[in-house]
Amino acid sequence: AGFRMTGETVSQVLERVVSTRVVPRSITVDHGTEFQSRALEDWAYRRGVPLDFIRPGKPVENAFIESFNGRLRDECLNVHQFASLAEAQAVIEVWRRDYNQQQPSSSLGNLTPDEFVGQRQAQQIVEEALCSG
């Protein structure tokens, strides 16, 4: 049986993410069915997060995720043959941790993604405190 990402699944994952991080100002998405779902629309409305849809046929408008997807394929998915879903999840998790915690990116000022997120969260908290006080 295949795995299909649904809007409900996306909403649940986003809820887990925002429980440990700052709620994003917006989320850029393509026109996949999981992003055009009522479940995701409801989640975004409840959280006050605008969904910014890229124009159809313009993946360059979401270049960061397109780059990430290519790197995931090249460095992980295309170099492993997975015997099971559990094995795939374990291998991808190791790759994800390395990517987020060990691999600095020039597009992020030579910070790792985790370091970049930490700086952005701190900046957002300060900005929100200044705006509310």
N, C-alpha and C. Protein backbone atom coordinates (compact mmCIF):
# COMPACT_ATOMS: atom_id res chain seq x y z
N ALA A 1 0.85 -1.19 0.00
CA ALA A 1 0.00 0.00 0.00
C ALA A 1 0.88 1.23 0.00
N GLY A 2 0.55 2.20 -0.83
CA GLY A 2 1.31 3.43 -0.93
C GLY A 2 0.92 4.42 0.15
N PHE A 3 1.76 5.41 0.31
CA PHE A 3 1.49 6.47 1.28
C PHE A 3 1.15 7.73 0.51
N ARG A 4 0.04 8.31 0.84
CA ARG A 4 -0.40 9.54 0.19
C ARG A 4 -0.55 10.62 1.25
N MET A 5 0.12 11.73 1.03
CA MET A 5 0.03 12.85 1.97
C MET A 5 -1.31 13.54 1.78
N THR A 6 -2.04 13.73 2.86
CA THR A 6 -3.32 14.42 2.81
C THR A 6 -3.21 15.76 3.52
N GLY A 7 -4.19 16.60 3.31
CA GLY A 7 -4.23 17.88 4.01
C GLY A 7 -4.31 17.69 5.51
N GLU A 8 -5.02 16.66 5.94
CA GLU A 8 -5.12 16.36 7.37
C GLU A 8 -3.75 15.99 7.94
N THR A 9 -2.99 15.18 7.19
CA THR A 9 -1.65 14.80 7.62
C THR A 9 -0.75 16.03 7.70
N VAL A 10 -0.80 16.88 6.68
CA VAL A 10 0.00 18.11 6.67
C VAL A 10 -0.35 18.97 7.88
N SER A 11 -1.63 19.11 8.16
CA SER A 11 -2.08 19.91 9.31
C SER A 11 -1.55 19.34 10.61
N GLN A 12 -1.58 18.02 10.75
CA GLN A 12 -1.09 17.39 11.98
C GLN A 12 0.41 17.60 12.14
N VAL A 13 1.15 17.47 11.05
CA VAL A 13 2.60 17.69 11.11
C VAL A 13 2.90 19.15 11.47
N LEU A 14 2.20 20.08 10.84
CA LEU A 14 2.41 21.49 11.15
C LEU A 14 2.08 21.80 12.60
N GLU A 15 1.04 21.19 13.12
CA GLU A 15 0.68 21.41 14.53
C GLU A 15 1.79 20.92 15.45
N ARG A 16 2.39 19.77 15.12
CA ARG A 16 3.52 19.27 15.93
C ARG A 16 4.70 20.24 15.84
N VAL A 17 4.95 20.76 14.64
CA VAL A 17 6.07 21.68 14.45
C VAL A 17 5.86 22.95 15.27
N VAL A 18 4.68 23.57 15.18
CA VAL A 18 4.48 24.83 15.89
C VAL A 18 4.37 24.65 17.39
N SER A 19 4.21 23.42 17.85
CA SER A 19 4.19 23.19 19.30
C SER A 19 5.58 23.34 19.91
N THR A 20 6.62 23.27 19.07
CA THR A 20 7.99 23.40 19.57
C THR A 20 8.74 24.57 18.96
N ARG A 21 8.09 25.29 18.05
CA ARG A 21 8.73 26.41 17.37
C ARG A 21 7.75 27.57 17.27
N VAL A 22 8.23 28.70 16.82
CA VAL A 22 7.38 29.86 16.61
C VAL A 22 6.48 29.60 15.40
N VAL A 23 5.24 30.04 15.48
CA VAL A 23 4.31 29.89 14.35
C VAL A 23 4.84 30.74 13.19
N PRO A 24 4.91 30.18 11.99
CA PRO A 24 5.45 30.96 10.86
C PRO A 24 4.54 32.12 10.47
N ARG A 25 5.13 33.14 9.87
CA ARG A 25 4.36 34.29 9.40
C ARG A 25 3.51 33.92 8.19
N SER A 26 4.00 33.01 7.37
CA SER A 26 3.27 32.50 6.21
C SER A 26 3.92 31.19 5.79
N ILE A 27 3.22 30.44 4.94
CA ILE A 27 3.76 29.20 4.40
C ILE A 27 3.55 29.24 2.89
N THR A 28 4.64 29.04 2.14
CA THR A 28 4.57 29.01 0.69
C THR A 28 4.36 27.56 0.25
N VAL A 29 3.34 27.35 -0.58
CA VAL A 29 2.99 26.00 -1.02
C VAL A 29 2.70 26.00 -2.52
N ASP A 30 2.76 24.79 -3.11
CA ASP A 30 2.36 24.66 -4.50
C ASP A 30 0.89 24.24 -4.55
N HIS A 31 0.44 23.78 -5.67
CA HIS A 31 -0.98 23.48 -5.83
C HIS A 31 -1.31 22.01 -5.67
N GLY A 32 -0.48 21.28 -4.91
CA GLY A 32 -0.78 19.89 -4.62
C GLY A 32 -2.09 19.78 -3.84
N THR A 33 -2.79 18.66 -4.02
CA THR A 33 -4.09 18.51 -3.37
C THR A 33 -3.99 18.61 -1.85
N GLU A 34 -2.87 18.17 -1.28
CA GLU A 34 -2.73 18.24 0.17
C GLU A 34 -2.67 19.68 0.66
N PHE A 35 -2.24 20.61 -0.20
CA PHE A 35 -2.15 22.01 0.19
C PHE A 35 -3.42 22.80 -0.14
N GLN A 36 -4.28 22.23 -0.94
CA GLN A 36 -5.54 22.90 -1.30
C GLN A 36 -6.71 22.32 -0.51
N SER A 37 -6.42 21.62 0.55
CA SER A 37 -7.45 20.92 1.31
C SER A 37 -8.12 21.82 2.33
N ARG A 38 -9.31 21.45 2.69
CA ARG A 38 -10.06 22.16 3.73
C ARG A 38 -9.35 22.04 5.08
N ALA A 39 -8.76 20.88 5.34
CA ALA A 39 -8.07 20.66 6.62
C ALA A 39 -6.92 21.65 6.79
N LEU A 40 -6.11 21.83 5.75
CA LEU A 40 -4.99 22.76 5.85
C LEU A 40 -5.49 24.20 5.91
N GLU A 41 -6.50 24.50 5.12
CA GLU A 41 -7.08 25.85 5.15
C GLU A 41 -7.60 26.18 6.55
N ASP A 42 -8.28 25.23 7.18
CA ASP A 42 -8.78 25.44 8.54
C ASP A 42 -7.64 25.62 9.54
N TRP A 43 -6.60 24.79 9.42
CA TRP A 43 -5.46 24.90 10.33
C TRP A 43 -4.82 26.29 10.19
N ALA A 44 -4.59 26.70 8.94
CA ALA A 44 -3.94 28.00 8.70
C ALA A 44 -4.80 29.14 9.24
N TYR A 45 -6.10 29.05 9.06
CA TYR A 45 -7.00 30.09 9.57
C TYR A 45 -6.94 30.15 11.10
N ARG A 46 -7.03 29.00 11.76
CA ARG A 46 -6.98 28.96 13.23
C ARG A 46 -5.67 29.52 13.77
N ARG A 47 -4.58 29.26 13.07
CA ARG A 47 -3.26 29.71 13.51
C ARG A 47 -2.90 31.10 13.00
N GLY A 48 -3.73 31.66 12.11
CA GLY A 48 -3.43 32.99 11.56
C GLY A 48 -2.24 33.00 10.63
N VAL A 49 -2.06 31.91 9.89
CA VAL A 49 -0.92 31.77 8.99
C VAL A 49 -1.41 31.80 7.54
N PRO A 50 -1.08 32.85 6.79
CA PRO A 50 -1.49 32.87 5.38
C PRO A 50 -0.78 31.78 4.59
N LEU A 51 -1.51 31.14 3.69
CA LEU A 51 -0.92 30.19 2.74
C LEU A 51 -0.66 30.95 1.45
N ASP A 52 0.59 31.04 1.05
CA ASP A 52 0.98 31.73 -0.18
C ASP A 52 1.20 30.69 -1.27
N PHE A 53 0.29 30.63 -2.22
CA PHE A 53 0.38 29.67 -3.31
C PHE A 53 1.26 30.22 -4.43
N ILE A 54 2.24 29.41 -4.87
CA ILE A 54 3.03 29.81 -6.02
C ILE A 54 2.15 29.70 -7.26
N ARG A 55 2.54 30.39 -8.31
CA ARG A 55 1.78 30.31 -9.56
C ARG A 55 1.95 28.92 -10.17
N PRO A 56 0.89 28.36 -10.72
CA PRO A 56 1.01 27.04 -11.36
C PRO A 56 2.11 27.04 -12.42
N GLY A 57 2.91 25.98 -12.41
CA GLY A 57 3.98 25.84 -13.39
C GLY A 57 5.18 26.72 -13.13
N LYS A 58 5.29 27.29 -11.93
CA LYS A 58 6.40 28.19 -11.59
C LYS A 58 7.13 27.71 -10.34
N PRO A 59 7.75 26.51 -10.39
CA PRO A 59 8.43 26.00 -9.20
C PRO A 59 9.58 26.89 -8.73
N VAL A 60 10.08 27.75 -9.62
CA VAL A 60 11.16 28.66 -9.23
C VAL A 60 10.71 29.60 -8.11
N GLU A 61 9.40 29.81 -7.98
CA GLU A 61 8.88 30.66 -6.91
C GLU A 61 9.01 29.99 -5.54
N ASN A 62 9.32 28.73 -5.54
CA ASN A 62 9.53 27.98 -4.30
C ASN A 62 10.89 27.29 -4.39
N ALA A 63 11.89 28.06 -4.81
CA ALA A 63 13.20 27.50 -5.14
C ALA A 63 13.87 26.79 -3.97
N PHE A 64 13.68 27.28 -2.74
CA PHE A 64 14.33 26.64 -1.60
C PHE A 64 13.86 25.20 -1.44
N ILE A 65 12.56 24.96 -1.54
CA ILE A 65 12.07 23.60 -1.35
C ILE A 65 12.41 22.74 -2.55
N GLU A 66 12.41 23.31 -3.75
CA GLU A 66 12.80 22.54 -4.94
C GLU A 66 14.26 22.10 -4.80
N SER A 67 15.12 22.99 -4.31
CA SER A 67 16.52 22.66 -4.08
C SER A 67 16.64 21.56 -3.02
N PHE A 68 15.89 21.71 -1.93
CA PHE A 68 15.91 20.69 -0.88
C PHE A 68 15.46 19.34 -1.42
N ASN A 69 14.36 19.32 -2.18
CA ASN A 69 13.85 18.07 -2.72
C ASN A 69 14.88 17.39 -3.62
N GLY A 70 15.57 18.18 -4.45
CA GLY A 70 16.61 17.62 -5.31
C GLY A 70 17.75 17.04 -4.51
N ARG A 71 18.14 17.75 -3.47
CA ARG A 71 19.24 17.26 -2.63
C ARG A 71 18.84 15.99 -1.89
N LEU A 72 17.62 15.94 -1.37
CA LEU A 72 17.13 14.72 -0.70
C LEU A 72 17.16 13.54 -1.67
N ARG A 73 16.69 13.75 -2.89
CA ARG A 73 16.71 12.67 -3.89
C ARG A 73 18.14 12.24 -4.18
N ASP A 74 19.03 13.22 -4.49
CA ASP A 74 20.39 12.90 -4.91
C ASP A 74 21.22 12.26 -3.81
N GLU A 75 21.09 12.74 -2.58
CA GLU A 75 21.96 12.29 -1.49
C GLU A 75 21.39 11.13 -0.69
N CYS A 76 20.10 10.89 -0.80
CA CYS A 76 19.48 9.88 0.06
C CYS A 76 18.62 8.89 -0.72
N LEU A 77 17.57 9.37 -1.32
CA LEU A 77 16.59 8.45 -1.93
C LEU A 77 17.16 7.67 -3.10
N ASN A 78 17.98 8.31 -3.94
CA ASN A 78 18.52 7.63 -5.12
C ASN A 78 19.72 6.74 -4.83
N VAL A 79 20.26 6.80 -3.62
CA VAL A 79 21.45 5.99 -3.31
C VAL A 79 21.14 4.83 -2.37
N HIS A 80 19.89 4.66 -2.02
CA HIS A 80 19.49 3.56 -1.14
C HIS A 80 18.36 2.76 -1.77
N GLN A 81 18.39 1.47 -1.53
CA GLN A 81 17.25 0.63 -1.86
C GLN A 81 16.66 0.19 -0.53
N PHE A 82 15.45 0.62 -0.27
CA PHE A 82 14.82 0.37 1.02
C PHE A 82 14.04 -0.94 0.97
N ALA A 83 14.24 -1.77 1.99
CA ALA A 83 13.52 -3.05 2.07
C ALA A 83 12.15 -2.88 2.70
N SER A 84 11.96 -1.77 3.41
CA SER A 84 10.68 -1.56 4.09
C SER A 84 10.48 -0.07 4.34
N LEU A 85 9.26 0.28 4.67
CA LEU A 85 8.96 1.66 5.03
C LEU A 85 9.73 2.06 6.28
N ALA A 86 9.84 1.16 7.24
CA ALA A 86 10.57 1.46 8.47
C ALA A 86 12.04 1.76 8.18
N GLU A 87 12.64 0.99 7.28
CA GLU A 87 14.03 1.25 6.92
C GLU A 87 14.16 2.60 6.23
N ALA A 88 13.26 2.91 5.33
CA ALA A 88 13.28 4.20 4.64
C ALA A 88 13.17 5.34 5.65
N GLN A 89 12.25 5.22 6.59
CA GLN A 89 12.08 6.26 7.60
C GLN A 89 13.34 6.45 8.43
N ALA A 90 14.00 5.36 8.80
CA ALA A 90 15.22 5.44 9.61
C ALA A 90 16.35 6.11 8.84
N VAL A 91 16.55 5.71 7.59
CA VAL A 91 17.62 6.28 6.77
C VAL A 91 17.36 7.77 6.50
N ILE A 92 16.12 8.10 6.17
CA ILE A 92 15.78 9.50 5.91
C ILE A 92 15.94 10.35 7.16
N GLU A 93 15.61 9.80 8.32
CA GLU A 93 15.78 10.54 9.57
C GLU A 93 17.25 10.85 9.84
N VAL A 94 18.14 9.89 9.59
CA VAL A 94 19.58 10.14 9.76
C VAL A 94 20.03 11.24 8.80
N TRP A 95 19.58 11.15 7.55
CA TRP A 95 19.93 12.18 6.56
C TRP A 95 19.39 13.54 6.98
N ARG A 96 18.14 13.58 7.44
CA ARG A 96 17.51 14.83 7.85
C ARG A 96 18.28 15.50 8.99
N ARG A 97 18.67 14.71 9.97
CA ARG A 97 19.42 15.28 11.09
C ARG A 97 20.76 15.83 10.63
N ASP A 98 21.46 15.09 9.77
CA ASP A 98 22.72 15.57 9.25
C ASP A 98 22.51 16.86 8.46
N TYR A 99 21.52 16.88 7.60
CA TYR A 99 21.22 18.06 6.78
C TYR A 99 20.92 19.28 7.66
N ASN A 100 20.10 19.12 8.67
CA ASN A 100 19.67 20.24 9.51
C ASN A 100 20.69 20.67 10.54
N GLN A 101 21.51 19.74 11.02
CA GLN A 101 22.40 20.04 12.14
C GLN A 101 23.88 20.15 11.77
N GLN A 102 24.28 19.57 10.63
CA GLN A 102 25.70 19.49 10.32
C GLN A 102 26.11 20.17 9.02
N GLN A 103 25.16 20.50 8.16
CA GLN A 103 25.50 21.00 6.82
C GLN A 103 25.22 22.49 6.68
N PRO A 104 26.23 23.36 6.84
CA PRO A 104 26.00 24.78 6.64
C PRO A 104 25.63 25.06 5.18
N SER A 105 24.86 26.10 4.98
CA SER A 105 24.41 26.47 3.64
C SER A 105 24.79 27.91 3.36
N SER A 106 25.38 28.14 2.20
CA SER A 106 25.76 29.51 1.84
C SER A 106 24.52 30.39 1.72
N SER A 107 23.39 29.81 1.32
CA SER A 107 22.16 30.61 1.20
C SER A 107 21.60 31.01 2.56
N LEU A 108 22.11 30.40 3.63
CA LEU A 108 21.67 30.74 4.99
C LEU A 108 22.79 31.44 5.76
N GLY A 109 23.69 32.08 5.04
CA GLY A 109 24.79 32.78 5.70
C GLY A 109 25.78 31.83 6.34
N ASN A 110 25.99 30.68 5.73
CA ASN A 110 26.89 29.63 6.22
C ASN A 110 26.49 29.09 7.58
N LEU A 111 25.20 29.15 7.87
CA LEU A 111 24.64 28.52 9.06
C LEU A 111 24.00 27.20 8.65
N THR A 112 23.85 26.30 9.62
CA THR A 112 23.04 25.11 9.36
C THR A 112 21.58 25.53 9.40
N PRO A 113 20.68 24.75 8.81
CA PRO A 113 19.27 25.10 8.91
C PRO A 113 18.80 25.28 10.36
N ASP A 114 19.24 24.42 11.28
CA ASP A 114 18.83 24.57 12.67
C ASP A 114 19.32 25.88 13.27
N GLU A 115 20.57 26.25 12.97
CA GLU A 115 21.10 27.52 13.47
C GLU A 115 20.32 28.70 12.90
N PHE A 116 20.02 28.63 11.61
CA PHE A 116 19.27 29.70 10.95
C PHE A 116 17.89 29.85 11.57
N VAL A 117 17.19 28.74 11.79
CA VAL A 117 15.86 28.78 12.40
C VAL A 117 15.94 29.38 13.80
N GLY A 118 16.95 28.98 14.57
CA GLY A 118 17.12 29.52 15.91
C GLY A 118 17.28 31.03 15.90
N GLN A 119 18.09 31.54 14.97
CA GLN A 119 18.26 32.99 14.87
C GLN A 119 16.97 33.68 14.45
N ARG A 120 16.26 33.10 13.48
CA ARG A 120 15.01 33.71 13.01
C ARG A 120 13.96 33.71 14.12
N GLN A 121 13.89 32.63 14.88
CA GLN A 121 12.91 32.58 15.97
C GLN A 121 13.22 33.64 17.02
N ALA A 122 14.48 33.78 17.37
CA ALA A 122 14.86 34.79 18.35
C ALA A 122 14.51 36.18 17.84
N GLN A 123 14.79 36.43 16.57
CA GLN A 123 14.47 37.73 15.96
C GLN A 123 12.96 37.97 15.97
N GLN A 124 12.19 36.95 15.63
CA GLN A 124 10.73 37.10 15.59
C GLN A 124 10.17 37.37 16.99
N ILE A 125 10.71 36.71 18.00
CA ILE A 125 10.25 36.93 19.37
C ILE A 125 10.53 38.37 19.80
N VAL A 126 11.72 38.86 19.48
CA VAL A 126 12.07 40.24 19.82
C VAL A 126 11.15 41.22 19.10
N GLU A 127 10.92 40.99 17.80
CA GLU A 127 10.04 41.88 17.03
C GLU A 127 8.62 41.89 17.59
N GLU A 128 8.11 40.72 17.96
CA GLU A 128 6.77 40.65 18.52
C GLU A 128 6.70 41.36 19.87
N ALA A 129 7.75 41.23 20.68
CA ALA A 129 7.78 41.91 21.97
C ALA A 129 7.81 43.42 21.79
N LEU A 130 8.59 43.89 20.82
CA LEU A 130 8.66 45.33 20.56
C LEU A 130 7.34 45.87 20.04
N CYS A 131 6.67 45.10 19.21
CA CYS A 131 5.38 45.55 18.64
C CYS A 131 4.27 45.54 19.67
N SER A 132 4.34 44.65 20.65
CA SER A 132 3.26 44.56 21.63
C SER A 132 3.51 45.43 22.85
N GLY A 133 4.72 45.90 23.01
CA GLY A 133 5.03 46.66 24.21
C GLY A 133 5.16 48.08 23.93
